[in-house]
Amino acid sequence: MTLSGKIITEIGVHATAEKWFNLFATQLHHVQNLTDTIHGSRLHHGKDWHHNDSIKHWTYVIDGKVTTCHESIESVDEEKKTITYKVFGEDIEHRFKGFKAIFEAIDKENGGAIVKWTIEYERLGEEVDPPYGYLEYLHKSTRDIDGHLLKA
């Protein structure tokens, strides 16, 4: 059995792909105020939330438990409206050797967009379950955030 995997969810949203990408590319620090699944975030290292060398600290709820992680931006593709985040820290590293979250905002022809979240991971052992709780967290957060982006 392989320890590496990829899980994906695509969520139809009402706000445009441009609004979604702008939020995650230039206003990431506001995300904590737009959904109740995130308890808090702060800049852990660096001076700019959107610089690749900066590290953010997040506190959120996964599978009913308060969880923390660190996150840094690995890459940004403005043309494809895609951002790859490296996720690490104690709550991640005791189960996963590698963990990435990839955000992509895709315009729909008839308005709105699709937010696609991909989680790429490598488990430390076969006894570790795939991170489906993270996909549920991202799905719920996306729904919450969409309502706020529509009002903006």
N, C-alpha and C. Protein backbone atom coordinates (compact mmCIF):
# COMPACT_ATOMS: atom_id res chain seq x y z
N MET A 1 0.84 -1.18 0.00
CA MET A 1 0.00 0.00 0.00
C MET A 1 0.89 1.24 0.00
N THR A 2 0.52 2.20 -0.83
CA THR A 2 1.28 3.44 -0.91
C THR A 2 0.92 4.39 0.24
N LEU A 3 1.87 5.17 0.67
CA LEU A 3 1.64 6.11 1.76
C LEU A 3 1.38 7.52 1.24
N SER A 4 1.59 7.72 -0.05
CA SER A 4 1.34 9.03 -0.66
C SER A 4 -0.04 9.06 -1.27
N GLY A 5 -0.64 10.24 -1.28
CA GLY A 5 -1.96 10.35 -1.86
C GLY A 5 -2.33 11.77 -2.20
N LYS A 6 -3.46 11.87 -2.86
CA LYS A 6 -4.00 13.17 -3.26
C LYS A 6 -5.51 13.08 -3.15
N ILE A 7 -6.12 14.06 -2.48
CA ILE A 7 -7.57 14.13 -2.42
C ILE A 7 -8.00 15.52 -2.86
N ILE A 8 -9.15 15.57 -3.53
CA ILE A 8 -9.58 16.82 -4.18
C ILE A 8 -11.05 17.06 -3.90
N THR A 9 -11.40 18.33 -3.70
CA THR A 9 -12.80 18.73 -3.67
C THR A 9 -12.95 19.96 -4.54
N GLU A 10 -14.07 20.03 -5.24
CA GLU A 10 -14.40 21.20 -6.05
C GLU A 10 -15.74 21.72 -5.56
N ILE A 11 -15.78 23.03 -5.25
CA ILE A 11 -16.96 23.64 -4.67
C ILE A 11 -17.43 24.76 -5.59
N GLY A 12 -18.66 24.69 -6.05
CA GLY A 12 -19.23 25.78 -6.82
C GLY A 12 -19.52 26.95 -5.90
N VAL A 13 -19.05 28.14 -6.27
CA VAL A 13 -19.23 29.33 -5.45
C VAL A 13 -19.84 30.44 -6.31
N HIS A 14 -20.40 31.44 -5.63
CA HIS A 14 -21.06 32.53 -6.33
C HIS A 14 -20.11 33.68 -6.67
N ALA A 15 -19.13 33.94 -5.83
CA ALA A 15 -18.16 35.01 -6.09
C ALA A 15 -17.25 34.60 -7.25
N THR A 16 -16.67 35.59 -7.90
CA THR A 16 -15.82 35.33 -9.06
C THR A 16 -14.49 34.70 -8.65
N ALA A 17 -13.85 34.05 -9.61
CA ALA A 17 -12.53 33.47 -9.37
C ALA A 17 -11.54 34.57 -9.01
N GLU A 18 -11.68 35.74 -9.62
CA GLU A 18 -10.80 36.88 -9.34
C GLU A 18 -10.89 37.31 -7.88
N LYS A 19 -12.13 37.38 -7.34
CA LYS A 19 -12.31 37.75 -5.93
C LYS A 19 -11.66 36.70 -5.02
N TRP A 20 -11.87 35.44 -5.36
CA TRP A 20 -11.30 34.36 -4.55
C TRP A 20 -9.78 34.42 -4.56
N PHE A 21 -9.21 34.52 -5.74
CA PHE A 21 -7.76 34.54 -5.84
C PHE A 21 -7.19 35.77 -5.12
N ASN A 22 -7.82 36.91 -5.29
CA ASN A 22 -7.37 38.13 -4.63
C ASN A 22 -7.36 37.98 -3.11
N LEU A 23 -8.40 37.35 -2.57
CA LEU A 23 -8.45 37.14 -1.12
C LEU A 23 -7.25 36.31 -0.65
N PHE A 24 -7.00 35.19 -1.30
CA PHE A 24 -5.93 34.30 -0.86
C PHE A 24 -4.54 34.81 -1.24
N ALA A 25 -4.45 35.63 -2.30
CA ALA A 25 -3.14 36.12 -2.75
C ALA A 25 -2.73 37.42 -2.06
N THR A 26 -3.71 38.23 -1.61
CA THR A 26 -3.35 39.54 -1.07
C THR A 26 -3.98 39.87 0.28
N GLN A 27 -4.94 39.07 0.74
CA GLN A 27 -5.63 39.37 2.00
C GLN A 27 -5.80 38.14 2.88
N LEU A 28 -4.84 37.25 2.85
CA LEU A 28 -4.95 35.99 3.58
C LEU A 28 -5.25 36.20 5.07
N HIS A 29 -4.71 37.27 5.66
CA HIS A 29 -4.93 37.53 7.08
C HIS A 29 -6.40 37.79 7.41
N HIS A 30 -7.24 38.12 6.43
CA HIS A 30 -8.68 38.34 6.66
C HIS A 30 -9.48 37.04 6.72
N VAL A 31 -8.94 35.96 6.20
CA VAL A 31 -9.68 34.70 6.13
C VAL A 31 -10.17 34.26 7.50
N GLN A 32 -9.38 34.47 8.54
CA GLN A 32 -9.77 34.05 9.89
C GLN A 32 -11.05 34.74 10.36
N ASN A 33 -11.39 35.89 9.79
CA ASN A 33 -12.59 36.63 10.19
C ASN A 33 -13.83 36.24 9.39
N LEU A 34 -13.68 35.35 8.43
CA LEU A 34 -14.77 35.04 7.51
C LEU A 34 -15.39 33.66 7.73
N THR A 35 -14.83 32.87 8.61
CA THR A 35 -15.37 31.53 8.88
C THR A 35 -15.13 31.16 10.34
N ASP A 36 -16.08 30.44 10.91
CA ASP A 36 -15.92 30.03 12.32
C ASP A 36 -15.07 28.77 12.47
N THR A 37 -14.62 28.17 11.36
CA THR A 37 -13.76 26.99 11.45
C THR A 37 -12.32 27.37 11.78
N ILE A 38 -11.99 28.66 11.60
CA ILE A 38 -10.65 29.14 11.94
C ILE A 38 -10.74 29.94 13.22
N HIS A 39 -9.99 29.53 14.23
CA HIS A 39 -10.01 30.23 15.52
C HIS A 39 -9.04 31.40 15.54
N GLY A 40 -8.01 31.36 14.73
CA GLY A 40 -7.06 32.45 14.71
C GLY A 40 -5.89 32.17 13.80
N SER A 41 -5.20 33.24 13.44
CA SER A 41 -3.97 33.11 12.65
C SER A 41 -3.09 34.30 12.98
N ARG A 42 -1.81 34.10 12.80
CA ARG A 42 -0.86 35.18 13.04
C ARG A 42 0.39 34.91 12.23
N LEU A 43 1.13 35.96 12.01
CA LEU A 43 2.39 35.84 11.31
C LEU A 43 3.42 35.31 12.30
N HIS A 44 3.97 34.15 12.04
CA HIS A 44 4.92 33.50 12.93
C HIS A 44 6.35 33.94 12.64
N HIS A 45 6.65 34.10 11.36
CA HIS A 45 8.00 34.49 10.93
C HIS A 45 7.86 35.33 9.66
N GLY A 46 8.57 36.44 9.60
CA GLY A 46 8.52 37.30 8.44
C GLY A 46 7.68 38.54 8.71
N LYS A 47 7.61 39.40 7.71
CA LYS A 47 6.88 40.67 7.87
C LYS A 47 5.71 40.81 6.90
N ASP A 48 5.59 39.90 5.95
CA ASP A 48 4.57 40.00 4.92
C ASP A 48 3.84 38.66 4.82
N TRP A 49 2.53 38.69 4.96
CA TRP A 49 1.72 37.48 4.91
C TRP A 49 1.85 36.74 3.58
N HIS A 50 2.25 37.43 2.53
CA HIS A 50 2.20 36.84 1.20
C HIS A 50 3.58 36.60 0.59
N HIS A 51 4.60 36.71 1.39
CA HIS A 51 5.96 36.44 0.92
C HIS A 51 6.26 34.96 1.11
N ASN A 52 6.95 34.36 0.16
CA ASN A 52 7.24 32.93 0.24
C ASN A 52 8.06 32.54 1.47
N ASP A 53 8.86 33.46 2.02
CA ASP A 53 9.67 33.14 3.19
C ASP A 53 8.91 33.29 4.51
N SER A 54 7.72 33.87 4.46
CA SER A 54 6.94 34.08 5.68
C SER A 54 6.28 32.79 6.12
N ILE A 55 6.13 32.64 7.42
CA ILE A 55 5.45 31.47 8.00
C ILE A 55 4.29 31.97 8.85
N LYS A 56 3.11 31.41 8.58
CA LYS A 56 1.93 31.75 9.34
C LYS A 56 1.58 30.62 10.31
N HIS A 57 0.99 30.99 11.44
CA HIS A 57 0.52 30.01 12.42
C HIS A 57 -1.00 30.05 12.41
N TRP A 58 -1.64 28.90 12.22
CA TRP A 58 -3.09 28.80 12.14
C TRP A 58 -3.63 27.91 13.26
N THR A 59 -4.77 28.28 13.80
CA THR A 59 -5.51 27.46 14.75
C THR A 59 -6.92 27.27 14.18
N TYR A 60 -7.37 26.02 14.06
CA TYR A 60 -8.64 25.72 13.41
C TYR A 60 -9.19 24.42 13.97
N VAL A 61 -10.37 24.02 13.50
CA VAL A 61 -11.02 22.81 13.99
C VAL A 61 -11.03 21.76 12.89
N ILE A 62 -10.46 20.59 13.20
CA ILE A 62 -10.48 19.44 12.29
C ILE A 62 -11.07 18.26 13.07
N ASP A 63 -12.08 17.64 12.50
CA ASP A 63 -12.72 16.48 13.15
C ASP A 63 -13.12 16.79 14.59
N GLY A 64 -13.59 18.01 14.83
CA GLY A 64 -14.05 18.40 16.16
C GLY A 64 -12.97 18.75 17.15
N LYS A 65 -11.71 18.72 16.73
CA LYS A 65 -10.59 19.03 17.62
C LYS A 65 -9.88 20.30 17.18
N VAL A 66 -9.51 21.14 18.17
CA VAL A 66 -8.72 22.32 17.86
C VAL A 66 -7.33 21.85 17.45
N THR A 67 -6.87 22.31 16.31
CA THR A 67 -5.63 21.87 15.70
C THR A 67 -4.81 23.09 15.30
N THR A 68 -3.49 22.95 15.31
CA THR A 68 -2.64 24.06 14.87
C THR A 68 -1.68 23.57 13.79
N CYS A 69 -1.21 24.52 13.00
CA CYS A 69 -0.21 24.22 12.01
C CYS A 69 0.54 25.49 11.65
N HIS A 70 1.63 25.31 10.94
CA HIS A 70 2.34 26.40 10.31
C HIS A 70 2.14 26.23 8.81
N GLU A 71 2.19 27.35 8.11
CA GLU A 71 1.98 27.31 6.67
C GLU A 71 2.86 28.34 6.01
N SER A 72 3.38 27.97 4.85
CA SER A 72 4.12 28.93 4.02
C SER A 72 3.68 28.74 2.58
N ILE A 73 3.84 29.80 1.80
CA ILE A 73 3.46 29.74 0.39
C ILE A 73 4.63 29.14 -0.39
N GLU A 74 4.35 28.09 -1.11
CA GLU A 74 5.38 27.45 -1.93
C GLU A 74 5.42 28.07 -3.32
N SER A 75 4.25 28.35 -3.89
CA SER A 75 4.22 28.95 -5.22
C SER A 75 2.89 29.65 -5.47
N VAL A 76 2.93 30.64 -6.36
CA VAL A 76 1.74 31.37 -6.78
C VAL A 76 1.76 31.46 -8.30
N ASP A 77 0.65 31.09 -8.93
CA ASP A 77 0.51 31.21 -10.37
C ASP A 77 -0.69 32.11 -10.63
N GLU A 78 -0.43 33.39 -10.89
CA GLU A 78 -1.51 34.36 -11.07
C GLU A 78 -2.36 34.03 -12.29
N GLU A 79 -1.74 33.57 -13.36
CA GLU A 79 -2.48 33.27 -14.58
C GLU A 79 -3.49 32.14 -14.36
N LYS A 80 -3.07 31.11 -13.64
CA LYS A 80 -3.96 29.97 -13.36
C LYS A 80 -4.75 30.15 -12.06
N LYS A 81 -4.53 31.29 -11.37
CA LYS A 81 -5.19 31.57 -10.08
C LYS A 81 -5.02 30.40 -9.11
N THR A 82 -3.76 29.98 -8.96
CA THR A 82 -3.42 28.83 -8.13
C THR A 82 -2.34 29.21 -7.12
N ILE A 83 -2.52 28.75 -5.88
CA ILE A 83 -1.54 28.96 -4.82
C ILE A 83 -1.28 27.62 -4.15
N THR A 84 -0.02 27.28 -3.98
CA THR A 84 0.36 26.05 -3.29
C THR A 84 0.93 26.41 -1.93
N TYR A 85 0.37 25.81 -0.88
CA TYR A 85 0.79 26.04 0.49
C TYR A 85 1.47 24.80 1.04
N LYS A 86 2.59 24.98 1.70
CA LYS A 86 3.24 23.90 2.44
C LYS A 86 2.72 24.00 3.87
N VAL A 87 2.19 22.91 4.40
CA VAL A 87 1.60 22.88 5.73
C VAL A 87 2.45 21.97 6.60
N PHE A 88 2.82 22.44 7.78
CA PHE A 88 3.70 21.67 8.66
C PHE A 88 3.46 22.07 10.11
N GLY A 89 4.19 21.48 11.01
CA GLY A 89 4.04 21.74 12.43
C GLY A 89 3.65 20.48 13.17
N GLU A 90 3.62 20.56 14.48
CA GLU A 90 3.45 19.37 15.32
C GLU A 90 2.19 18.57 15.00
N ASP A 91 1.04 19.23 14.84
CA ASP A 91 -0.20 18.48 14.58
C ASP A 91 -0.20 17.82 13.21
N ILE A 92 0.66 18.26 12.31
CA ILE A 92 0.78 17.66 10.98
C ILE A 92 1.89 16.60 10.99
N GLU A 93 3.03 16.96 11.53
CA GLU A 93 4.23 16.13 11.40
C GLU A 93 4.20 14.83 12.19
N HIS A 94 3.29 14.69 13.16
CA HIS A 94 3.22 13.41 13.85
C HIS A 94 2.42 12.38 13.05
N ARG A 95 1.80 12.82 11.92
CA ARG A 95 1.05 11.91 11.07
C ARG A 95 1.51 11.89 9.61
N PHE A 96 2.12 13.01 9.17
CA PHE A 96 2.46 13.14 7.75
C PHE A 96 3.90 13.57 7.55
N LYS A 97 4.55 12.95 6.60
CA LYS A 97 5.92 13.32 6.23
C LYS A 97 5.88 14.57 5.35
N GLY A 98 4.87 14.68 4.52
CA GLY A 98 4.69 15.84 3.65
C GLY A 98 3.22 16.18 3.54
N PHE A 99 2.90 17.47 3.44
CA PHE A 99 1.50 17.90 3.38
C PHE A 99 1.42 19.23 2.64
N LYS A 100 0.70 19.25 1.53
CA LYS A 100 0.50 20.47 0.75
C LYS A 100 -0.99 20.67 0.52
N ALA A 101 -1.42 21.94 0.55
CA ALA A 101 -2.78 22.30 0.18
C ALA A 101 -2.67 23.22 -1.04
N ILE A 102 -3.39 22.87 -2.09
CA ILE A 102 -3.34 23.65 -3.33
C ILE A 102 -4.71 24.26 -3.57
N PHE A 103 -4.74 25.59 -3.65
CA PHE A 103 -5.95 26.35 -3.91
C PHE A 103 -5.97 26.75 -5.39
N GLU A 104 -7.13 26.58 -6.04
CA GLU A 104 -7.28 27.03 -7.42
C GLU A 104 -8.68 27.61 -7.59
N ALA A 105 -8.76 28.79 -8.18
CA ALA A 105 -10.04 29.43 -8.47
C ALA A 105 -10.26 29.40 -9.98
N ILE A 106 -11.38 28.82 -10.40
CA ILE A 106 -11.66 28.60 -11.82
C ILE A 106 -12.98 29.29 -12.16
N ASP A 107 -12.94 30.20 -13.15
CA ASP A 107 -14.17 30.87 -13.60
C ASP A 107 -15.11 29.88 -14.25
N LYS A 108 -16.42 30.06 -13.97
CA LYS A 108 -17.45 29.31 -14.68
C LYS A 108 -17.98 30.19 -15.80
N GLU A 109 -18.41 29.58 -16.89
CA GLU A 109 -18.89 30.33 -18.05
C GLU A 109 -20.11 31.19 -17.75
N ASN A 110 -21.00 30.70 -16.92
CA ASN A 110 -22.25 31.42 -16.65
C ASN A 110 -22.22 32.19 -15.33
N GLY A 111 -21.06 32.62 -14.89
CA GLY A 111 -20.93 33.39 -13.65
C GLY A 111 -20.52 32.51 -12.49
N GLY A 112 -19.99 33.16 -11.48
CA GLY A 112 -19.50 32.41 -10.33
C GLY A 112 -18.18 31.72 -10.65
N ALA A 113 -17.82 30.79 -9.81
CA ALA A 113 -16.54 30.12 -9.98
C ALA A 113 -16.59 28.74 -9.33
N ILE A 114 -15.52 28.02 -9.51
CA ILE A 114 -15.30 26.76 -8.80
C ILE A 114 -14.01 26.95 -8.01
N VAL A 115 -14.08 26.66 -6.72
CA VAL A 115 -12.87 26.64 -5.90
C VAL A 115 -12.47 25.18 -5.76
N LYS A 116 -11.26 24.91 -6.19
CA LYS A 116 -10.74 23.55 -6.16
C LYS A 116 -9.63 23.49 -5.11
N TRP A 117 -9.79 22.60 -4.16
CA TRP A 117 -8.77 22.34 -3.15
C TRP A 117 -8.20 20.95 -3.38
N THR A 118 -6.89 20.86 -3.45
CA THR A 118 -6.19 19.58 -3.59
C THR A 118 -5.26 19.44 -2.39
N ILE A 119 -5.35 18.32 -1.73
CA ILE A 119 -4.41 18.02 -0.64
C ILE A 119 -3.51 16.89 -1.11
N GLU A 120 -2.22 17.18 -1.13
CA GLU A 120 -1.22 16.15 -1.44
C GLU A 120 -0.51 15.82 -0.14
N TYR A 121 -0.36 14.54 0.15
CA TYR A 121 0.19 14.15 1.43
C TYR A 121 1.00 12.87 1.32
N GLU A 122 1.86 12.68 2.31
CA GLU A 122 2.57 11.42 2.48
C GLU A 122 2.45 11.05 3.95
N ARG A 123 1.77 9.94 4.22
CA ARG A 123 1.55 9.47 5.59
C ARG A 123 2.82 8.84 6.14
N LEU A 124 2.99 8.91 7.45
CA LEU A 124 4.16 8.30 8.10
C LEU A 124 4.05 6.78 8.17
N GLY A 125 2.83 6.27 8.14
CA GLY A 125 2.65 4.82 8.21
C GLY A 125 1.26 4.43 7.76
N GLU A 126 1.05 3.14 7.54
CA GLU A 126 -0.25 2.65 7.08
C GLU A 126 -1.35 2.85 8.10
N GLU A 127 -0.99 3.00 9.37
CA GLU A 127 -2.00 3.20 10.41
C GLU A 127 -2.58 4.62 10.41
N VAL A 128 -1.97 5.53 9.66
CA VAL A 128 -2.45 6.91 9.56
C VAL A 128 -3.48 7.00 8.44
N ASP A 129 -4.66 7.52 8.78
CA ASP A 129 -5.72 7.68 7.79
C ASP A 129 -5.44 8.87 6.87
N PRO A 130 -5.94 8.83 5.64
CA PRO A 130 -5.83 10.01 4.77
C PRO A 130 -6.52 11.21 5.45
N PRO A 131 -6.12 12.41 5.12
CA PRO A 131 -6.61 13.61 5.83
C PRO A 131 -7.97 14.12 5.33
N TYR A 132 -8.99 13.27 5.38
CA TYR A 132 -10.32 13.66 4.91
C TYR A 132 -10.91 14.80 5.75
N GLY A 133 -10.56 14.87 7.03
CA GLY A 133 -11.04 15.95 7.89
C GLY A 133 -10.60 17.32 7.39
N TYR A 134 -9.41 17.39 6.82
CA TYR A 134 -8.92 18.65 6.26
C TYR A 134 -9.74 19.05 5.03
N LEU A 135 -10.14 18.08 4.23
CA LEU A 135 -10.97 18.38 3.07
C LEU A 135 -12.34 18.91 3.52
N GLU A 136 -12.92 18.32 4.55
CA GLU A 136 -14.19 18.81 5.10
C GLU A 136 -14.03 20.23 5.64
N TYR A 137 -12.94 20.49 6.33
CA TYR A 137 -12.65 21.82 6.86
C TYR A 137 -12.56 22.84 5.73
N LEU A 138 -11.83 22.53 4.67
CA LEU A 138 -11.68 23.43 3.54
C LEU A 138 -13.02 23.65 2.82
N HIS A 139 -13.81 22.60 2.72
CA HIS A 139 -15.12 22.70 2.07
C HIS A 139 -16.03 23.65 2.86
N LYS A 140 -16.11 23.45 4.16
CA LYS A 140 -16.97 24.31 5.00
C LYS A 140 -16.46 25.75 5.01
N SER A 141 -15.17 25.93 5.14
CA SER A 141 -14.59 27.28 5.14
C SER A 141 -14.90 28.00 3.82
N THR A 142 -14.81 27.28 2.71
CA THR A 142 -15.09 27.86 1.41
C THR A 142 -16.53 28.34 1.33
N ARG A 143 -17.46 27.54 1.81
CA ARG A 143 -18.88 27.94 1.83
C ARG A 143 -19.07 29.21 2.66
N ASP A 144 -18.47 29.25 3.86
CA ASP A 144 -18.58 30.42 4.74
C ASP A 144 -18.02 31.67 4.06
N ILE A 145 -16.84 31.54 3.48
CA ILE A 145 -16.14 32.68 2.88
C ILE A 145 -16.92 33.20 1.67
N ASP A 146 -17.53 32.31 0.89
CA ASP A 146 -18.26 32.72 -0.30
C ASP A 146 -19.37 33.73 0.05
N GLY A 147 -20.08 33.48 1.13
CA GLY A 147 -21.12 34.40 1.56
C GLY A 147 -20.57 35.81 1.84
N HIS A 148 -19.41 35.87 2.43
CA HIS A 148 -18.79 37.16 2.73
C HIS A 148 -18.28 37.85 1.47
N LEU A 149 -17.73 37.08 0.53
CA LEU A 149 -17.23 37.67 -0.71
C LEU A 149 -18.38 38.25 -1.55
N LEU A 150 -19.53 37.63 -1.48
CA LEU A 150 -20.69 38.14 -2.22
C LEU A 150 -21.13 39.49 -1.70
N LYS A 151 -21.03 39.69 -0.38
CA LYS A 151 -21.41 40.97 0.24
C LYS A 151 -20.42 42.07 -0.06
N ALA A 152 -19.16 41.69 -0.30
CA ALA A 152 -18.09 42.70 -0.51
C ALA A 152 -18.23 43.41 -1.85
